[in-house]
Amino acid sequence: MPHHTAVRAIRLQCSSDGTPGLPSDPSAQWRPRDCIAQSSAWRGTAVTTIARNMSELGFAPVIAVLARGSNDVTTVSKHFSAQRSSQFGSASLSERRISGASRPRAESARSYRNLGVVYGTVDRQGLAALRADPRVRKVTAAPEFSLIRPVARASAVLPKTNTWGLEAMEVPALWAEGLTGKDVRVAHLDTGVDATHPALRTAVVKFAEFDRAGRVRPGVEPYDSDAEDSHGTHTAATIAGRPVRGSHIGVAPGASLYSAMVIEGGDIVARILGGMDWAVGERARVLSMSLGIRGIDASFLDIVDILRSNGVLPVVAVGNEGPGTSRSPGNYPSALSVGAHDEQFAVADFSSSQRFVRRSQPLVPDVVGPGVDVVSAASQGKYRSLSGTSMATPHVAGLAALLVEARPDVTVDRLERAIFASARPGQMDVERVNRGAVNARLALAALRDE
């Protein structure tokens, strides 16, 4: 029988108009329909709000989301002011010095036209101007992202045929129908990628390194900044690794990878926004992201919605902190949230899961994928075994690419529904895995039945 783990539900606080948020937080302007939760577990991070920063620092890092139909980022940017002591100001100043600017100055803001957002620092007057500007729909505090690090690692060799995850998902059944994800654009936001690896030489179509202040460094060849785990190379090859000597490690070996280095170091919010904006501009259909904010933070809720409205399915790791925990944006109703199971279809102990008291998608993760002892590529032509929801997420992103090839006109919602319909909990606790383990064959059948 399934084992039922006690999971603490997190309750919502909503104002009389249904808008969730802390009354003491003037930045809380969240979506009424999805009411993101708040609890004592996240009040420690909630103190870094606009009001608190303004009180203690005299400025605050914020994200301004433009009103629908407006793209006047230049005018909106004028409400921002440069703050050398801020993370963004310091990072932009450092980058200007590196570039050889004769009189380097800190920047006040960065505009992301494809997303319709502006990020930077504001003083009190600038904040008031932003909130009064009809071109601005919402002003939110800037969160603190971090990479979801693997919980276990080991050196490995190329498997003789297919990795266990590919077999567990029944991916070869889709290959047998000629589906490889051919030419489907998958955005990969991570630590970069070693595109010289035999499994990735023809997979990486485009690479962008976002500097410490969120600008693309021109003329940079693909590389992985993670010397410890080759995190980006590992996840990239799980999505779209090409076969090497008849052995497969990638779910969608024909997909086109658009890989962005966005983490770690510098102003990570600026870098991640840069990667997302770039992905939309490159017309990606799927976005794979194995990083997040510990706990519940609604700062990127609108950004994830914008990705979906641009035809991008956001596939996001839920976190490695175990039951009763989750990470944002992986715990958003609008993200396809991924946890991890092992080769025996048992939920991984480290895989995060959490139930919220909300109408839409109350339980995360949405599904689980292969995430324990996953063999994939590492830098310098090597292979590595890693465990984490970071490893499960690219499996699901690769599956999404296969389905897009099968039905190129599929909407984000239909694509997500097909993946959800494929999942089965088996003997796993539903409170830990929600719909269960994804299956490629069942997902394709569900897509065709719609």
Foldseek 3Di string as FASTA:
>chain_A
DFDADDADAFAFDAPPVQQTDDPVAPQRGHDSAWGFGDDPVCVVQVCLGQVNCCVPPQKAKKKWAFDPPDQPVVVLLVLFDADCPDLLQVQQQVVCVVVPPPDGGGGGWDGQRLLRMIIGMHGPRSVVVSVPDNRTDHMTGDADKAFQAFPDKDFDAFDPAEWLQCVVQVLVVLVVVVFQLAAAEEEEEEQWAQCVAQQRVPAEPAEFEQGLNQHTDPPDDTDGPDPPHLLRHFLSQCQAGADDPNYHNHSRVNYHYYYYRQDDHHPSSSNVSSSLSVCLVVLHQEYFERMFGWATDCSCVSSLVSCQVSNYAYQYEQHQQAENTGGPPLPGLRHQYEWEDESVQEGDRRTYKHAYPHDGPRIPDLAYGHFAQRWGAHPPNTIMGTGTSSNRRSNVRNLLSSLCVVPVVDHNVLSSVLQSQQAPNVSYHCRRGPSYYGHSVSSNVSSVVD
